[in-house]
Amino acid sequence: MSEERFARNGSPLEGKRIPHDWKAMDHTAKRVCLVRNGWAADFYEASRLLALHAQAAVQGRKAKEHRRRLAMARWEN
């Protein structure tokens, strides 16, 4: 079984192992997890890391969608 890791380019959490129940956690639990793992010094920094990670994820999805639309436009011509 391979370990799941954060893989978004530009994310401050990139390459770190994802906790097994990450998707089930709410925002507060994710902040606690970041502090307990030592990835953030306090809850403010944990919130900041989550926001930067979300920003990187959104940018990655937008870039992927843009590449897909370009490929479809080239195919249609």
PDB file of N, CA and C in Angstrom:
ATOM      1  N   MET A   1       0.844  -1.179   0.000  1.00  0.00           N
ATOM      2  CA  MET A   1       0.000   0.000   0.000  1.00  0.00           C
ATOM      3  C   MET A   1       0.884   1.235   0.000  1.00  0.00           C
ATOM      4  N   SER A   2       0.654   2.130  -0.920  1.00  0.00           N
ATOM      5  CA  SER A   2       1.466   3.341  -0.984  1.00  0.00           C
ATOM      6  C   SER A   2       0.917   4.391  -0.024  1.00  0.00           C
ATOM      7  N   GLU A   3       1.788   5.214   0.467  1.00  0.00           N
ATOM      8  CA  GLU A   3       1.364   6.295   1.349  1.00  0.00           C
ATOM      9  C   GLU A   3       0.817   7.437   0.516  1.00  0.00           C
ATOM     10  N   GLU A   4      -0.278   8.006   0.963  1.00  0.00           N
ATOM     11  CA  GLU A   4      -0.827   9.162   0.284  1.00  0.00           C
ATOM     12  C   GLU A   4      -0.133  10.400   0.826  1.00  0.00           C
ATOM     13  N   ARG A   5       0.213  11.281  -0.092  1.00  0.00           N
ATOM     14  CA  ARG A   5       0.909  12.508   0.277  1.00  0.00           C
ATOM     15  C   ARG A   5       0.248  13.698  -0.400  1.00  0.00           C
ATOM     16  N   PHE A   6       0.401  14.870   0.227  1.00  0.00           N
ATOM     17  CA  PHE A   6      -0.061  16.094  -0.402  1.00  0.00           C
ATOM     18  C   PHE A   6       0.799  16.324  -1.631  1.00  0.00           C
ATOM     19  N   ALA A   7       0.178  16.554  -2.787  1.00  0.00           N
ATOM     20  CA  ALA A   7       0.953  16.609  -4.019  1.00  0.00           C
ATOM     21  C   ALA A   7       0.732  17.868  -4.843  1.00  0.00           C
ATOM     22  N   ARG A   8       0.037  18.851  -4.358  1.00  0.00           N
ATOM     23  CA  ARG A   8      -0.214  20.055  -5.144  1.00  0.00           C
ATOM     24  C   ARG A   8       1.048  20.898  -5.242  1.00  0.00           C
ATOM     25  N   ASN A   9       1.373  21.298  -6.428  1.00  0.00           N
ATOM     26  CA  ASN A   9       2.539  22.159  -6.622  1.00  0.00           C
ATOM     27  C   ASN A   9       2.290  23.512  -5.975  1.00  0.00           C
ATOM     28  N   GLY A  10       3.262  23.996  -5.268  1.00  0.00           N
ATOM     29  CA  GLY A  10       3.148  25.296  -4.622  1.00  0.00           C
ATOM     30  C   GLY A  10       2.529  25.254  -3.241  1.00  0.00           C
ATOM     31  N   SER A  11       2.073  24.108  -2.807  1.00  0.00           N
ATOM     32  CA  SER A  11       1.458  23.997  -1.496  1.00  0.00           C
ATOM     33  C   SER A  11       2.536  23.903  -0.422  1.00  0.00           C
ATOM     34  N   PRO A  12       2.327  24.561   0.720  1.00  0.00           N
ATOM     35  CA  PRO A  12       3.300  24.416   1.811  1.00  0.00           C
ATOM     36  C   PRO A  12       3.268  23.011   2.422  1.00  0.00           C
ATOM     37  N   LEU A  13       2.227  22.248   2.145  1.00  0.00           N
ATOM     38  CA  LEU A  13       2.113  20.876   2.661  1.00  0.00           C
ATOM     39  C   LEU A  13       2.595  19.847   1.655  1.00  0.00           C
ATOM     40  N   GLU A  14       3.136  20.292   0.541  1.00  0.00           N
ATOM     41  CA  GLU A  14       3.560  19.398  -0.541  1.00  0.00           C
ATOM     42  C   GLU A  14       4.538  18.341  -0.044  1.00  0.00           C
ATOM     43  N   GLY A  15       4.228  17.077  -0.332  1.00  0.00           N
ATOM     44  CA  GLY A  15       5.106  15.968   0.020  1.00  0.00           C
ATOM     45  C   GLY A  15       4.915  15.407   1.412  1.00  0.00           C
ATOM     46  N   LYS A  16       4.150  16.080   2.256  1.00  0.00           N
ATOM     47  CA  LYS A  16       3.914  15.558   3.604  1.00  0.00           C
ATOM     48  C   LYS A  16       2.836  14.468   3.545  1.00  0.00           C
ATOM     49  N   ARG A  17       2.917  13.503   4.457  1.00  0.00           N
ATOM     50  CA  ARG A  17       1.967  12.390   4.484  1.00  0.00           C
ATOM     51  C   ARG A  17       0.602  12.877   4.961  1.00  0.00           C
ATOM     52  N   ILE A  18      -0.448  12.478   4.254  1.00  0.00           N
ATOM     53  CA  ILE A  18      -1.812  12.868   4.612  1.00  0.00           C
ATOM     54  C   ILE A  18      -2.293  11.970   5.748  1.00  0.00           C
ATOM     55  N   PRO A  19      -2.792  12.533   6.851  1.00  0.00           N
ATOM     56  CA  PRO A  19      -3.377  11.709   7.916  1.00  0.00           C
ATOM     57  C   PRO A  19      -4.545  10.893   7.363  1.00  0.00           C
ATOM     58  N   HIS A  20      -4.743   9.692   7.857  1.00  0.00           N
ATOM     59  CA  HIS A  20      -5.733   8.773   7.292  1.00  0.00           C
ATOM     60  C   HIS A  20      -7.164   9.294   7.345  1.00  0.00           C
ATOM     61  N   ASP A  21      -7.513  10.140   8.286  1.00  0.00           N
ATOM     62  CA  ASP A  21      -8.881  10.642   8.401  1.00  0.00           C
ATOM     63  C   ASP A  21      -8.994  12.118   8.003  1.00  0.00           C
ATOM     64  N   TRP A  22      -8.103  12.605   7.157  1.00  0.00           N
ATOM     65  CA  TRP A  22      -8.048  14.013   6.769  1.00  0.00           C
ATOM     66  C   TRP A  22      -9.360  14.490   6.153  1.00  0.00           C
ATOM     67  N   LYS A  23      -9.945  13.696   5.274  1.00  0.00           N
ATOM     68  CA  LYS A  23     -11.173  14.120   4.586  1.00  0.00           C
ATOM     69  C   LYS A  23     -12.363  14.221   5.541  1.00  0.00           C
ATOM     70  N   ALA A  24     -12.343  13.486   6.626  1.00  0.00           N
ATOM     71  CA  ALA A  24     -13.443  13.512   7.580  1.00  0.00           C
ATOM     72  C   ALA A  24     -13.306  14.649   8.598  1.00  0.00           C
ATOM     73  N   MET A  25     -12.140  15.270   8.672  1.00  0.00           N
ATOM     74  CA  MET A  25     -11.893  16.326   9.658  1.00  0.00           C
ATOM     75  C   MET A  25     -12.551  17.637   9.252  1.00  0.00           C
ATOM     76  N   ASP A  26     -12.998  18.400  10.261  1.00  0.00           N
ATOM     77  CA  ASP A  26     -13.451  19.758   9.989  1.00  0.00           C
ATOM     78  C   ASP A  26     -12.239  20.695  10.083  1.00  0.00           C
ATOM     79  N   HIS A  27     -12.475  21.975   9.853  1.00  0.00           N
ATOM     80  CA  HIS A  27     -11.370  22.942   9.802  1.00  0.00           C
ATOM     81  C   HIS A  27     -10.581  22.976  11.113  1.00  0.00           C
ATOM     82  N   THR A  28     -11.284  22.956  12.234  1.00  0.00           N
ATOM     83  CA  THR A  28     -10.612  23.012  13.536  1.00  0.00           C
ATOM     84  C   THR A  28      -9.741  21.780  13.764  1.00  0.00           C
ATOM     85  N   ALA A  29     -10.253  20.615  13.417  1.00  0.00           N
ATOM     86  CA  ALA A  29      -9.478  19.385  13.594  1.00  0.00           C
ATOM     87  C   ALA A  29      -8.239  19.381  12.703  1.00  0.00           C
ATOM     88  N   LYS A  30      -8.364  19.933  11.490  1.00  0.00           N
ATOM     89  CA  LYS A  30      -7.204  20.008  10.597  1.00  0.00           C
ATOM     90  C   LYS A  30      -6.144  20.941  11.175  1.00  0.00           C
ATOM     91  N   ARG A  31      -6.576  22.061  11.784  1.00  0.00           N
ATOM     92  CA  ARG A  31      -5.601  22.961  12.407  1.00  0.00           C
ATOM     93  C   ARG A  31      -4.888  22.277  13.556  1.00  0.00           C
ATOM     94  N   VAL A  32      -5.636  21.547  14.381  1.00  0.00           N
ATOM     95  CA  VAL A  32      -5.032  20.803  15.504  1.00  0.00           C
ATOM     96  C   VAL A  32      -4.028  19.790  14.967  1.00  0.00           C
ATOM     97  N   CYS A  33      -4.387  19.102  13.898  1.00  0.00           N
ATOM     98  CA  CYS A  33      -3.502  18.098  13.296  1.00  0.00           C
ATOM     99  C   CYS A  33      -2.196  18.739  12.813  1.00  0.00           C
ATOM    100  N   LEU A  34      -2.295  19.905  12.174  1.00  0.00           N
ATOM    101  CA  LEU A  34      -1.094  20.592  11.690  1.00  0.00           C
ATOM    102  C   LEU A  34      -0.186  20.998  12.840  1.00  0.00           C
ATOM    103  N   VAL A  35      -0.772  21.469  13.934  1.00  0.00           N
ATOM    104  CA  VAL A  35       0.034  21.878  15.092  1.00  0.00           C
ATOM    105  C   VAL A  35       0.657  20.660  15.763  1.00  0.00           C
ATOM    106  N   ARG A  36      -0.108  19.592  15.939  1.00  0.00           N
ATOM    107  CA  ARG A  36       0.417  18.388  16.600  1.00  0.00           C
ATOM    108  C   ARG A  36       1.526  17.719  15.797  1.00  0.00           C
ATOM    109  N   ASN A  37       1.436  17.778  14.466  1.00  0.00           N
ATOM    110  CA  ASN A  37       2.482  17.189  13.630  1.00  0.00           C
ATOM    111  C   ASN A  37       3.713  18.093  13.520  1.00  0.00           C
ATOM    112  N   GLY A  38       3.620  19.298  14.055  1.00  0.00           N
ATOM    113  CA  GLY A  38       4.756  20.207  14.025  1.00  0.00           C
ATOM    114  C   GLY A  38       4.895  20.975  12.716  1.00  0.00           C
ATOM    115  N   TRP A  39       3.868  20.931  11.880  1.00  0.00           N
ATOM    116  CA  TRP A  39       3.925  21.638  10.602  1.00  0.00           C
ATOM    117  C   TRP A  39       3.574  23.106  10.768  1.00  0.00           C
ATOM    118  N   ALA A  40       2.943  23.452  11.904  1.00  0.00           N
ATOM    119  CA  ALA A  40       2.585  24.837  12.215  1.00  0.00           C
ATOM    120  C   ALA A  40       2.868  25.077  13.695  1.00  0.00           C
ATOM    121  N   ALA A  41       3.278  26.306  14.003  1.00  0.00           N
ATOM    122  CA  ALA A  41       3.619  26.642  15.387  1.00  0.00           C
ATOM    123  C   ALA A  41       2.382  26.898  16.246  1.00  0.00           C
ATOM    124  N   ASP A  42       1.333  27.462  15.647  1.00  0.00           N
ATOM    125  CA  ASP A  42       0.117  27.783  16.389  1.00  0.00           C
ATOM    126  C   ASP A  42      -1.086  27.699  15.453  1.00  0.00           C
ATOM    127  N   PHE A  43      -2.281  27.963  16.019  1.00  0.00           N
ATOM    128  CA  PHE A  43      -3.493  27.839  15.219  1.00  0.00           C
ATOM    129  C   PHE A  43      -3.567  28.887  14.109  1.00  0.00           C
ATOM    130  N   TYR A  44      -3.033  30.066  14.335  1.00  0.00           N
ATOM    131  CA  TYR A  44      -3.038  31.095  13.292  1.00  0.00           C
ATOM    132  C   TYR A  44      -2.207  30.625  12.098  1.00  0.00           C
ATOM    133  N   GLU A  45      -1.021  30.128  12.352  1.00  0.00           N
ATOM    134  CA  GLU A  45      -0.165  29.643  11.269  1.00  0.00           C
ATOM    135  C   GLU A  45      -0.795  28.420  10.588  1.00  0.00           C
ATOM    136  N   ALA A  46      -1.479  27.579  11.350  1.00  0.00           N
ATOM    137  CA  ALA A  46      -2.153  26.419  10.769  1.00  0.00           C
ATOM    138  C   ALA A  46      -3.260  26.872   9.812  1.00  0.00           C
ATOM    139  N   SER A  47      -4.017  27.880  10.196  1.00  0.00           N
ATOM    140  CA  SER A  47      -5.052  28.418   9.302  1.00  0.00           C
ATOM    141  C   SER A  47      -4.437  28.988   8.043  1.00  0.00           C
ATOM    142  N   ARG A  48      -3.330  29.655   8.199  1.00  0.00           N
ATOM    143  CA  ARG A  48      -2.623  30.235   7.055  1.00  0.00           C
ATOM    144  C   ARG A  48      -2.133  29.131   6.110  1.00  0.00           C
ATOM    145  N   LEU A  49      -1.576  28.058   6.674  1.00  0.00           N
ATOM    146  CA  LEU A  49      -1.114  26.934   5.852  1.00  0.00           C
ATOM    147  C   LEU A  49      -2.271  26.284   5.097  1.00  0.00           C
ATOM    148  N   LEU A  50      -3.411  26.118   5.767  1.00  0.00           N
ATOM    149  CA  LEU A  50      -4.577  25.534   5.101  1.00  0.00           C
ATOM    150  C   LEU A  50      -5.062  26.429   3.964  1.00  0.00           C
ATOM    151  N   ALA A  51      -5.035  27.746   4.180  1.00  0.00           N
ATOM    152  CA  ALA A  51      -5.460  28.676   3.133  1.00  0.00           C
ATOM    153  C   ALA A  51      -4.499  28.627   1.941  1.00  0.00           C
ATOM    154  N   LEU A  52      -3.203  28.577   2.207  1.00  0.00           N
ATOM    155  CA  LEU A  52      -2.227  28.498   1.113  1.00  0.00           C
ATOM    156  C   LEU A  52      -2.348  27.174   0.360  1.00  0.00           C
ATOM    157  N   HIS A  53      -2.633  26.093   1.089  1.00  0.00           N
ATOM    158  CA  HIS A  53      -2.816  24.799   0.451  1.00  0.00           C
ATOM    159  C   HIS A  53      -4.065  24.819  -0.433  1.00  0.00           C
ATOM    160  N   ALA A  54      -5.144  25.402   0.066  1.00  0.00           N
ATOM    161  CA  ALA A  54      -6.375  25.496  -0.724  1.00  0.00           C
ATOM    162  C   ALA A  54      -6.152  26.342  -1.970  1.00  0.00           C
ATOM    163  N   GLN A  55      -5.417  27.423  -1.828  1.00  0.00           N
ATOM    164  CA  GLN A  55      -5.116  28.286  -2.970  1.00  0.00           C
ATOM    165  C   GLN A  55      -4.330  27.515  -4.037  1.00  0.00           C
ATOM    166  N   ALA A  56      -3.349  26.740  -3.620  1.00  0.00           N
ATOM    167  CA  ALA A  56      -2.557  25.948  -4.569  1.00  0.00           C
ATOM    168  C   ALA A  56      -3.425  24.885  -5.243  1.00  0.00           C
ATOM    169  N   ALA A  57      -4.341  24.286  -4.493  1.00  0.00           N
ATOM    170  CA  ALA A  57      -5.222  23.269  -5.064  1.00  0.00           C
ATOM    171  C   ALA A  57      -6.143  23.884  -6.115  1.00  0.00           C
ATOM    172  N   VAL A  58      -6.695  25.039  -5.824  1.00  0.00           N
ATOM    173  CA  VAL A  58      -7.586  25.710  -6.781  1.00  0.00           C
ATOM    174  C   VAL A  58      -6.812  26.103  -8.033  1.00  0.00           C
ATOM    175  N   GLN A  59      -5.624  26.660  -7.866  1.00  0.00           N
ATOM    176  CA  GLN A  59      -4.823  27.043  -9.028  1.00  0.00           C
ATOM    177  C   GLN A  59      -4.471  25.829  -9.877  1.00  0.00           C
ATOM    178  N   GLY A  60      -4.180  24.704  -9.228  1.00  0.00           N
ATOM    179  CA  GLY A  60      -3.880  23.480  -9.960  1.00  0.00           C
ATOM    180  C   GLY A  60      -5.075  22.975 -10.754  1.00  0.00           C
ATOM    181  N   ARG A  61      -6.264  23.027 -10.147  1.00  0.00           N
ATOM    182  CA  ARG A  61      -7.463  22.593 -10.856  1.00  0.00           C
ATOM    183  C   ARG A  61      -7.773  23.517 -12.033  1.00  0.00           C
ATOM    184  N   LYS A  62      -7.600  24.833 -11.836  1.00  0.00           N
ATOM    185  CA  LYS A  62      -7.851  25.773 -12.927  1.00  0.00           C
ATOM    186  C   LYS A  62      -6.878  25.556 -14.075  1.00  0.00           C
ATOM    187  N   ALA A  63      -5.622  25.322 -13.762  1.00  0.00           N
ATOM    188  CA  ALA A  63      -4.622  25.088 -14.807  1.00  0.00           C
ATOM    189  C   ALA A  63      -4.929  23.798 -15.559  1.00  0.00           C
ATOM    190  N   LYS A  64      -5.344  22.772 -14.848  1.00  0.00           N
ATOM    191  CA  LYS A  64      -5.679  21.504 -15.490  1.00  0.00           C
ATOM    192  C   LYS A  64      -6.887  21.681 -16.408  1.00  0.00           C
ATOM    193  N   GLU A  65      -7.893  22.395 -15.953  1.00  0.00           N
ATOM    194  CA  GLU A  65      -9.071  22.649 -16.778  1.00  0.00           C
ATOM    195  C   GLU A  65      -8.711  23.479 -18.011  1.00  0.00           C
ATOM    196  N   HIS A  66      -7.832  24.449 -17.839  1.00  0.00           N
ATOM    197  CA  HIS A  66      -7.390  25.279 -18.967  1.00  0.00           C
ATOM    198  C   HIS A  66      -6.666  24.425 -20.013  1.00  0.00           C
ATOM    199  N   ARG A  67      -5.789  23.545 -19.568  1.00  0.00           N
ATOM    200  CA  ARG A  67      -5.083  22.655 -20.500  1.00  0.00           C
ATOM    201  C   ARG A  67      -6.054  21.719 -21.218  1.00  0.00           C
ATOM    202  N   ARG A  68      -7.065  21.243 -20.498  1.00  0.00           N
ATOM    203  CA  ARG A  68      -8.058  20.367 -21.103  1.00  0.00           C
ATOM    204  C   ARG A  68      -8.854  21.103 -22.176  1.00  0.00           C
ATOM    205  N   ARG A  69      -9.245  22.349 -21.885  1.00  0.00           N
ATOM    206  CA  ARG A  69      -9.996  23.130 -22.867  1.00  0.00           C
ATOM    207  C   ARG A  69      -9.154  23.457 -24.095  1.00  0.00           C
ATOM    208  N   LEU A  70      -7.878  23.742 -23.896  1.00  0.00           N
ATOM    209  CA  LEU A  70      -7.001  23.993 -25.041  1.00  0.00           C
ATOM    210  C   LEU A  70      -6.878  22.754 -25.915  1.00  0.00           C
ATOM    211  N   ALA A  71      -6.738  21.601 -25.291  1.00  0.00           N
ATOM    212  CA  ALA A  71      -6.629  20.359 -26.050  1.00  0.00           C
ATOM    213  C   ALA A  71      -7.911  20.079 -26.826  1.00  0.00           C
ATOM    214  N   MET A  72      -9.057  20.332 -26.212  1.00  0.00           N
ATOM    215  CA  MET A  72     -10.332  20.126 -26.901  1.00  0.00           C
ATOM    216  C   MET A  72     -10.496  21.094 -28.068  1.00  0.00           C
ATOM    217  N   ALA A  73     -10.067  22.346 -27.895  1.00  0.00           N
ATOM    218  CA  ALA A  73     -10.165  23.333 -28.966  1.00  0.00           C
ATOM    219  C   ALA A  73      -9.279  22.945 -30.139  1.00  0.00           C
ATOM    220  N   ARG A  74      -8.091  22.432 -29.868  1.00  0.00           N
ATOM    221  CA  ARG A  74      -7.198  21.990 -30.944  1.00  0.00           C
ATOM    222  C   ARG A  74      -7.783  20.783 -31.676  1.00  0.00           C
ATOM    223  N   TRP A  75      -8.427  19.898 -30.922  1.00  0.00           N
ATOM    224  CA  TRP A  75      -8.997  18.698 -31.509  1.00  0.00           C
ATOM    225  C   TRP A  75     -10.182  19.039 -32.414  1.00  0.00           C
ATOM    226  N   GLU A  76     -10.984  20.047 -32.001  1.00  0.00           N
ATOM    227  CA  GLU A  76     -12.176  20.419 -32.770  1.00  0.00           C
ATOM    228  C   GLU A  76     -11.829  21.115 -34.070  1.00  0.00           C
ATOM    229  N   ASN A  77     -10.680  21.739 -34.156  1.00  0.00           N
ATOM    230  CA  ASN A  77     -10.303  22.461 -35.390  1.00  0.00           C
ATOM    231  C   ASN A  77      -9.746  21.562 -36.423  1.00  0.00           C
TER     232      ASN A  77
END
